[in-house]
Amino acid sequence: MPNDIQKAIGMTLLTFWGISVLSITSVLAADQDMFEIYSLEVEGHICEFVTGEFNNDNLIDLIVIYSPHSNRYTRY
């Protein structure tokens, strides 16, 4: 029985720690430009990631190149 209580307390502390870390990182990121990341589900293969500064806003932009086919030259 004491092991079960210790496990429950440990899981509670671990959960609290995880929430705290996420909250702190959210606060630290609050001074940056706001943006949203949406879950994107596609069928196909990711061919490449490209990063760079493409629109002169002094932020790093990320481009994901993927192909819905097995031919990597048919890309979006």
PDB file of N, CA and C in Angstrom:
ATOM      1  N   MET A   1       0.806  -1.203   0.000  1.00  0.00           N
ATOM      2  CA  MET A   1       0.000   0.000   0.000  1.00  0.00           C
ATOM      3  C   MET A   1       0.852   1.273   0.000  1.00  0.00           C
ATOM      4  N   PRO A   2       1.920   1.360   0.826  1.00  0.00           N
ATOM      5  CA  PRO A   2       2.738   2.575   0.804  1.00  0.00           C
ATOM      6  C   PRO A   2       3.381   2.817  -0.565  1.00  0.00           C
ATOM      7  N   ASN A   3       3.711   1.755  -1.299  1.00  0.00           N
ATOM      8  CA  ASN A   3       4.278   1.920  -2.639  1.00  0.00           C
ATOM      9  C   ASN A   3       3.285   2.586  -3.576  1.00  0.00           C
ATOM     10  N   ASP A   4       2.013   2.220  -3.460  1.00  0.00           N
ATOM     11  CA  ASP A   4       0.982   2.833  -4.299  1.00  0.00           C
ATOM     12  C   ASP A   4       0.848   4.326  -4.002  1.00  0.00           C
ATOM     13  N   ILE A   5       0.928   4.681  -2.734  1.00  0.00           N
ATOM     14  CA  ILE A   5       0.836   6.093  -2.355  1.00  0.00           C
ATOM     15  C   ILE A   5       2.046   6.851  -2.877  1.00  0.00           C
ATOM     16  N   GLN A   6       3.231   6.243  -2.757  1.00  0.00           N
ATOM     17  CA  GLN A   6       4.445   6.889  -3.257  1.00  0.00           C
ATOM     18  C   GLN A   6       4.376   7.077  -4.766  1.00  0.00           C
ATOM     19  N   LYS A   7       3.865   6.076  -5.466  1.00  0.00           N
ATOM     20  CA  LYS A   7       3.725   6.191  -6.922  1.00  0.00           C
ATOM     21  C   LYS A   7       2.743   7.299  -7.288  1.00  0.00           C
ATOM     22  N   ALA A   8       1.632   7.374  -6.564  1.00  0.00           N
ATOM     23  CA  ALA A   8       0.631   8.409  -6.837  1.00  0.00           C
ATOM     24  C   ALA A   8       1.207   9.800  -6.581  1.00  0.00           C
ATOM     25  N   ILE A   9       1.948   9.943  -5.480  1.00  0.00           N
ATOM     26  CA  ILE A   9       2.573  11.237  -5.182  1.00  0.00           C
ATOM     27  C   ILE A   9       3.615  11.569  -6.244  1.00  0.00           C
ATOM     28  N   GLY A  10       4.403  10.581  -6.648  1.00  0.00           N
ATOM     29  CA  GLY A  10       5.415  10.798  -7.684  1.00  0.00           C
ATOM     30  C   GLY A  10       4.794  11.218  -9.006  1.00  0.00           C
ATOM     31  N   MET A  11       3.714  10.573  -9.395  1.00  0.00           N
ATOM     32  CA  MET A  11       3.042  10.930 -10.650  1.00  0.00           C
ATOM     33  C   MET A  11       2.434  12.328 -10.560  1.00  0.00           C
ATOM     34  N   THR A  12       1.891  12.666  -9.396  1.00  0.00           N
ATOM     35  CA  THR A  12       1.328  14.004  -9.206  1.00  0.00           C
ATOM     36  C   THR A  12       2.414  15.064  -9.319  1.00  0.00           C
ATOM     37  N   LEU A  13       3.553  14.824  -8.672  1.00  0.00           N
ATOM     38  CA  LEU A  13       4.660  15.780  -8.744  1.00  0.00           C
ATOM     39  C   LEU A  13       5.217  15.881 -10.157  1.00  0.00           C
ATOM     40  N   LEU A  14       5.322  14.764 -10.846  1.00  0.00           N
ATOM     41  CA  LEU A  14       5.814  14.767 -12.222  1.00  0.00           C
ATOM     42  C   LEU A  14       4.863  15.539 -13.136  1.00  0.00           C
ATOM     43  N   THR A  15       3.572  15.337 -12.956  1.00  0.00           N
ATOM     44  CA  THR A  15       2.584  16.069 -13.749  1.00  0.00           C
ATOM     45  C   THR A  15       2.659  17.565 -13.457  1.00  0.00           C
ATOM     46  N   PHE A  16       2.763  17.929 -12.187  1.00  0.00           N
ATOM     47  CA  PHE A  16       2.875  19.341 -11.813  1.00  0.00           C
ATOM     48  C   PHE A  16       4.137  19.953 -12.404  1.00  0.00           C
ATOM     49  N   TRP A  17       5.248  19.219 -12.354  1.00  0.00           N
ATOM     50  CA  TRP A  17       6.508  19.705 -12.923  1.00  0.00           C
ATOM     51  C   TRP A  17       6.362  19.927 -14.430  1.00  0.00           C
ATOM     52  N   GLY A  18       5.739  18.986 -15.145  1.00  0.00           N
ATOM     53  CA  GLY A  18       5.542  19.124 -16.585  1.00  0.00           C
ATOM     54  C   GLY A  18       4.695  20.334 -16.937  1.00  0.00           C
ATOM     55  N   ILE A  19       3.623  20.535 -16.193  1.00  0.00           N
ATOM     56  CA  ILE A  19       2.764  21.703 -16.431  1.00  0.00           C
ATOM     57  C   ILE A  19       3.534  22.987 -16.143  1.00  0.00           C
ATOM     58  N   SER A  20       4.349  22.986 -15.092  1.00  0.00           N
ATOM     59  CA  SER A  20       5.144  24.171 -14.750  1.00  0.00           C
ATOM     60  C   SER A  20       6.139  24.500 -15.850  1.00  0.00           C
ATOM     61  N   VAL A  21       6.813  23.485 -16.379  1.00  0.00           N
ATOM     62  CA  VAL A  21       7.787  23.709 -17.454  1.00  0.00           C
ATOM     63  C   VAL A  21       7.091  24.274 -18.683  1.00  0.00           C
ATOM     64  N   LEU A  22       5.948  23.721 -19.042  1.00  0.00           N
ATOM     65  CA  LEU A  22       5.213  24.232 -20.199  1.00  0.00           C
ATOM     66  C   LEU A  22       4.751  25.666 -19.973  1.00  0.00           C
ATOM     67  N   SER A  23       4.329  25.977 -18.769  1.00  0.00           N
ATOM     68  CA  SER A  23       3.888  27.340 -18.466  1.00  0.00           C
ATOM     69  C   SER A  23       5.046  28.323 -18.553  1.00  0.00           C
ATOM     70  N   ILE A  24       6.196  27.940 -18.026  1.00  0.00           N
ATOM     71  CA  ILE A  24       7.364  28.827 -18.055  1.00  0.00           C
ATOM     72  C   ILE A  24       7.818  29.061 -19.481  1.00  0.00           C
ATOM     73  N   THR A  25       7.871  28.005 -20.291  1.00  0.00           N
ATOM     74  CA  THR A  25       8.301  28.193 -21.680  1.00  0.00           C
ATOM     75  C   THR A  25       7.294  29.034 -22.443  1.00  0.00           C
ATOM     76  N   SER A  26       6.018  28.930 -22.103  1.00  0.00           N
ATOM     77  CA  SER A  26       5.011  29.771 -22.759  1.00  0.00           C
ATOM     78  C   SER A  26       5.206  31.231 -22.395  1.00  0.00           C
ATOM     79  N   VAL A  27       5.514  31.500 -21.147  1.00  0.00           N
ATOM     80  CA  VAL A  27       5.743  32.879 -20.711  1.00  0.00           C
ATOM     81  C   VAL A  27       6.996  33.434 -21.370  1.00  0.00           C
ATOM     82  N   LEU A  28       8.054  32.638 -21.439  1.00  0.00           N
ATOM     83  CA  LEU A  28       9.292  33.100 -22.070  1.00  0.00           C
ATOM     84  C   LEU A  28       9.094  33.370 -23.555  1.00  0.00           C
ATOM     85  N   ALA A  29       8.217  32.615 -24.193  1.00  0.00           N
ATOM     86  CA  ALA A  29       7.976  32.801 -25.624  1.00  0.00           C
ATOM     87  C   ALA A  29       6.989  33.933 -25.893  1.00  0.00           C
ATOM     88  N   ALA A  30       6.374  34.467 -24.853  1.00  0.00           N
ATOM     89  CA  ALA A  30       5.336  35.477 -25.051  1.00  0.00           C
ATOM     90  C   ALA A  30       5.871  36.780 -25.621  1.00  0.00           C
ATOM     91  N   ASP A  31       7.167  37.054 -25.440  1.00  0.00           N
ATOM     92  CA  ASP A  31       7.697  38.308 -25.960  1.00  0.00           C
ATOM     93  C   ASP A  31       8.071  38.209 -27.434  1.00  0.00           C
ATOM     94  N   GLN A  32       7.917  37.055 -28.027  1.00  0.00           N
ATOM     95  CA  GLN A  32       8.208  36.877 -29.442  1.00  0.00           C
ATOM     96  C   GLN A  32       6.943  37.119 -30.253  1.00  0.00           C
ATOM     97  N   ASP A  33       7.093  37.212 -31.564  1.00  0.00           N
ATOM     98  CA  ASP A  33       5.915  37.344 -32.423  1.00  0.00           C
ATOM     99  C   ASP A  33       5.009  36.138 -32.226  1.00  0.00           C
ATOM    100  N   MET A  34       3.725  36.391 -32.238  1.00  0.00           N
ATOM    101  CA  MET A  34       2.769  35.313 -32.027  1.00  0.00           C
ATOM    102  C   MET A  34       2.535  34.559 -33.326  1.00  0.00           C
ATOM    103  N   PHE A  35       2.492  33.272 -33.229  1.00  0.00           N
ATOM    104  CA  PHE A  35       2.182  32.444 -34.373  1.00  0.00           C
ATOM    105  C   PHE A  35       1.527  31.173 -33.873  1.00  0.00           C
ATOM    106  N   GLU A  36       0.875  30.476 -34.757  1.00  0.00           N
ATOM    107  CA  GLU A  36       0.206  29.239 -34.389  1.00  0.00           C
ATOM    108  C   GLU A  36       0.753  28.113 -35.237  1.00  0.00           C
ATOM    109  N   ILE A  37       0.865  26.960 -34.624  1.00  0.00           N
ATOM    110  CA  ILE A  37       1.289  25.765 -35.341  1.00  0.00           C
ATOM    111  C   ILE A  37       0.113  24.804 -35.313  1.00  0.00           C
ATOM    112  N   TYR A  38      -0.339  24.425 -36.480  1.00  0.00           N
ATOM    113  CA  TYR A  38      -1.453  23.503 -36.585  1.00  0.00           C
ATOM    114  C   TYR A  38      -0.933  22.122 -36.940  1.00  0.00           C
ATOM    115  N   SER A  39      -1.650  21.131 -36.509  1.00  0.00           N
ATOM    116  CA  SER A  39      -1.320  19.767 -36.883  1.00  0.00           C
ATOM    117  C   SER A  39      -1.665  19.586 -38.352  1.00  0.00           C
ATOM    118  N   LEU A  40      -0.733  19.097 -39.101  1.00  0.00           N
ATOM    119  CA  LEU A  40      -0.935  18.898 -40.529  1.00  0.00           C
ATOM    120  C   LEU A  40      -0.732  17.425 -40.831  1.00  0.00           C
ATOM    121  N   GLU A  41      -1.749  16.800 -41.370  1.00  0.00           N
ATOM    122  CA  GLU A  41      -1.653  15.381 -41.683  1.00  0.00           C
ATOM    123  C   GLU A  41      -1.696  15.217 -43.193  1.00  0.00           C
ATOM    124  N   VAL A  42      -0.646  14.663 -43.747  1.00  0.00           N
ATOM    125  CA  VAL A  42      -0.572  14.457 -45.189  1.00  0.00           C
ATOM    126  C   VAL A  42      -0.144  13.028 -45.452  1.00  0.00           C
ATOM    127  N   GLU A  43      -0.553  12.532 -46.592  1.00  0.00           N
ATOM    128  CA  GLU A  43      -0.068  11.234 -47.037  1.00  0.00           C
ATOM    129  C   GLU A  43       1.089  11.485 -47.969  1.00  0.00           C
ATOM    130  N   GLY A  44       2.158  10.805 -47.760  1.00  0.00           N
ATOM    131  CA  GLY A  44       3.308  10.973 -48.626  1.00  0.00           C
ATOM    132  C   GLY A  44       4.590  10.953 -47.827  1.00  0.00           C
ATOM    133  N   HIS A  45       5.627  11.448 -48.446  1.00  0.00           N
ATOM    134  CA  HIS A  45       6.951  11.410 -47.847  1.00  0.00           C
ATOM    135  C   HIS A  45       7.500  12.822 -47.726  1.00  0.00           C
ATOM    136  N   ILE A  46       8.033  13.151 -46.557  1.00  0.00           N
ATOM    137  CA  ILE A  46       8.705  14.436 -46.396  1.00  0.00           C
ATOM    138  C   ILE A  46      10.069  14.305 -47.044  1.00  0.00           C
ATOM    139  N   CYS A  47      10.326  15.178 -47.998  1.00  0.00           N
ATOM    140  CA  CYS A  47      11.581  15.115 -48.747  1.00  0.00           C
ATOM    141  C   CYS A  47      12.656  16.001 -48.145  1.00  0.00           C
ATOM    142  N   GLU A  48      12.276  17.146 -47.634  1.00  0.00           N
ATOM    143  CA  GLU A  48      13.296  18.118 -47.221  1.00  0.00           C
ATOM    144  C   GLU A  48      12.692  19.165 -46.298  1.00  0.00           C
ATOM    145  N   PHE A  49      13.499  19.709 -45.436  1.00  0.00           N
ATOM    146  CA  PHE A  49      13.166  20.890 -44.648  1.00  0.00           C
ATOM    147  C   PHE A  49      14.098  21.998 -45.100  1.00  0.00           C
ATOM    148  N   VAL A  50      13.575  23.174 -45.288  1.00  0.00           N
ATOM    149  CA  VAL A  50      14.394  24.319 -45.671  1.00  0.00           C
ATOM    150  C   VAL A  50      14.108  25.435 -44.674  1.00  0.00           C
ATOM    151  N   THR A  51      15.160  26.001 -44.107  1.00  0.00           N
ATOM    152  CA  THR A  51      14.986  27.150 -43.229  1.00  0.00           C
ATOM    153  C   THR A  51      15.725  28.338 -43.820  1.00  0.00           C
ATOM    154  N   GLY A  52      15.208  29.496 -43.561  1.00  0.00           N
ATOM    155  CA  GLY A  52      15.841  30.709 -44.056  1.00  0.00           C
ATOM    156  C   GLY A  52      15.004  31.912 -43.684  1.00  0.00           C
ATOM    157  N   GLU A  53      15.441  33.063 -44.104  1.00  0.00           N
ATOM    158  CA  GLU A  53      14.725  34.311 -43.856  1.00  0.00           C
ATOM    159  C   GLU A  53      14.194  34.778 -45.201  1.00  0.00           C
ATOM    160  N   PHE A  54      12.921  34.462 -45.486  1.00  0.00           N
ATOM    161  CA  PHE A  54      12.376  34.644 -46.828  1.00  0.00           C
ATOM    162  C   PHE A  54      11.521  35.896 -47.003  1.00  0.00           C
ATOM    163  N   ASN A  55      11.005  36.461 -45.907  1.00  0.00           N
ATOM    164  CA  ASN A  55      10.072  37.577 -46.071  1.00  0.00           C
ATOM    165  C   ASN A  55      10.492  38.841 -45.322  1.00  0.00           C
ATOM    166  N   ASN A  56      11.771  38.979 -45.033  1.00  0.00           N
ATOM    167  CA  ASN A  56      12.353  40.190 -44.430  1.00  0.00           C
ATOM    168  C   ASN A  56      11.700  40.617 -43.117  1.00  0.00           C
ATOM    169  N   ASP A  57      11.281  39.648 -42.297  1.00  0.00           N
ATOM    170  CA  ASP A  57      10.734  40.003 -40.988  1.00  0.00           C
ATOM    171  C   ASP A  57      11.702  39.660 -39.854  1.00  0.00           C
ATOM    172  N   ASN A  58      12.936  39.312 -40.212  1.00  0.00           N
ATOM    173  CA  ASN A  58      14.001  38.978 -39.259  1.00  0.00           C
ATOM    174  C   ASN A  58      13.666  37.770 -38.393  1.00  0.00           C
ATOM    175  N   LEU A  59      12.809  36.904 -38.889  1.00  0.00           N
ATOM    176  CA  LEU A  59      12.500  35.644 -38.218  1.00  0.00           C
ATOM    177  C   LEU A  59      12.877  34.500 -39.144  1.00  0.00           C
ATOM    178  N   ILE A  60      13.235  33.377 -38.568  1.00  0.00           N
ATOM    179  CA  ILE A  60      13.573  32.211 -39.379  1.00  0.00           C
ATOM    180  C   ILE A  60      12.279  31.557 -39.845  1.00  0.00           C
ATOM    181  N   ASP A  61      12.173  31.327 -41.143  1.00  0.00           N
ATOM    182  CA  ASP A  61      11.011  30.672 -41.733  1.00  0.00           C
ATOM    183  C   ASP A  61      11.351  29.208 -41.998  1.00  0.00           C
ATOM    184  N   LEU A  62      10.359  28.349 -41.893  1.00  0.00           N
ATOM    185  CA  LEU A  62      10.545  26.919 -42.115  1.00  0.00           C
ATOM    186  C   LEU A  62       9.643  26.478 -43.254  1.00  0.00           C
ATOM    187  N   ILE A  63      10.214  25.770 -44.200  1.00  0.00           N
ATOM    188  CA  ILE A  63       9.451  25.231 -45.325  1.00  0.00           C
ATOM    189  C   ILE A  63       9.619  23.715 -45.301  1.00  0.00           C
ATOM    190  N   VAL A  64       8.517  22.999 -45.411  1.00  0.00           N
ATOM    191  CA  VAL A  64       8.543  21.540 -45.486  1.00  0.00           C
ATOM    192  C   VAL A  64       8.169  21.147 -46.903  1.00  0.00           C
ATOM    193  N   ILE A  65       9.024  20.374 -47.531  1.00  0.00           N
ATOM    194  CA  ILE A  65       8.771  19.909 -48.893  1.00  0.00           C
ATOM    195  C   ILE A  65       8.415  18.427 -48.802  1.00  0.00           C
ATOM    196  N   TYR A  66       7.244  18.093 -49.305  1.00  0.00           N
ATOM    197  CA  TYR A  66       6.830  16.702 -49.249  1.00  0.00           C
ATOM    198  C   TYR A  66       6.234  16.296 -50.583  1.00  0.00           C
ATOM    199  N   SER A  67       6.141  14.999 -50.777  1.00  0.00           N
ATOM    200  CA  SER A  67       5.565  14.464 -52.000  1.00  0.00           C
ATOM    201  C   SER A  67       4.466  13.474 -51.644  1.00  0.00           C
ATOM    202  N   PRO A  68       3.282  13.613 -52.242  1.00  0.00           N
ATOM    203  CA  PRO A  68       2.229  12.645 -51.982  1.00  0.00           C
ATOM    204  C   PRO A  68       2.460  11.339 -52.739  1.00  0.00           C
ATOM    205  N   HIS A  69       3.472  11.323 -53.557  1.00  0.00           N
ATOM    206  CA  HIS A  69       3.795  10.147 -54.359  1.00  0.00           C
ATOM    207  C   HIS A  69       5.190   9.665 -53.987  1.00  0.00           C
ATOM    208  N   SER A  70       5.563   8.519 -54.474  1.00  0.00           N
ATOM    209  CA  SER A  70       6.903   8.025 -54.192  1.00  0.00           C
ATOM    210  C   SER A  70       7.960   8.750 -55.022  1.00  0.00           C
ATOM    211  N   ASN A  71       7.529   9.528 -56.012  1.00  0.00           N
ATOM    212  CA  ASN A  71       8.460  10.293 -56.836  1.00  0.00           C
ATOM    213  C   ASN A  71       8.769  11.604 -56.121  1.00  0.00           C
ATOM    214  N   ARG A  72      10.005  11.787 -55.659  1.00  0.00           N
ATOM    215  CA  ARG A  72      10.340  12.980 -54.888  1.00  0.00           C
ATOM    216  C   ARG A  72      10.348  14.248 -55.722  1.00  0.00           C
ATOM    217  N   TYR A  73      10.265  14.144 -57.037  1.00  0.00           N
ATOM    218  CA  TYR A  73      10.244  15.325 -57.897  1.00  0.00           C
ATOM    219  C   TYR A  73       8.818  15.842 -58.129  1.00  0.00           C
ATOM    220  N   THR A  74       7.815  15.105 -57.647  1.00  0.00           N
ATOM    221  CA  THR A  74       6.431  15.580 -57.659  1.00  0.00           C
ATOM    222  C   THR A  74       6.171  16.118 -56.262  1.00  0.00           C
ATOM    223  N   ARG A  75       6.413  17.401 -56.053  1.00  0.00           N
ATOM    224  CA  ARG A  75       6.416  17.960 -54.700  1.00  0.00           C
ATOM    225  C   ARG A  75       5.448  19.119 -54.557  1.00  0.00           C
ATOM    226  N   TYR A  76       5.171  19.416 -53.292  1.00  0.00           N
ATOM    227  CA  TYR A  76       4.380  20.588 -52.924  1.00  0.00           C
ATOM    228  C   TYR A  76       5.216  21.449 -52.006  1.00  0.00           C
TER     229      TYR A  76
END
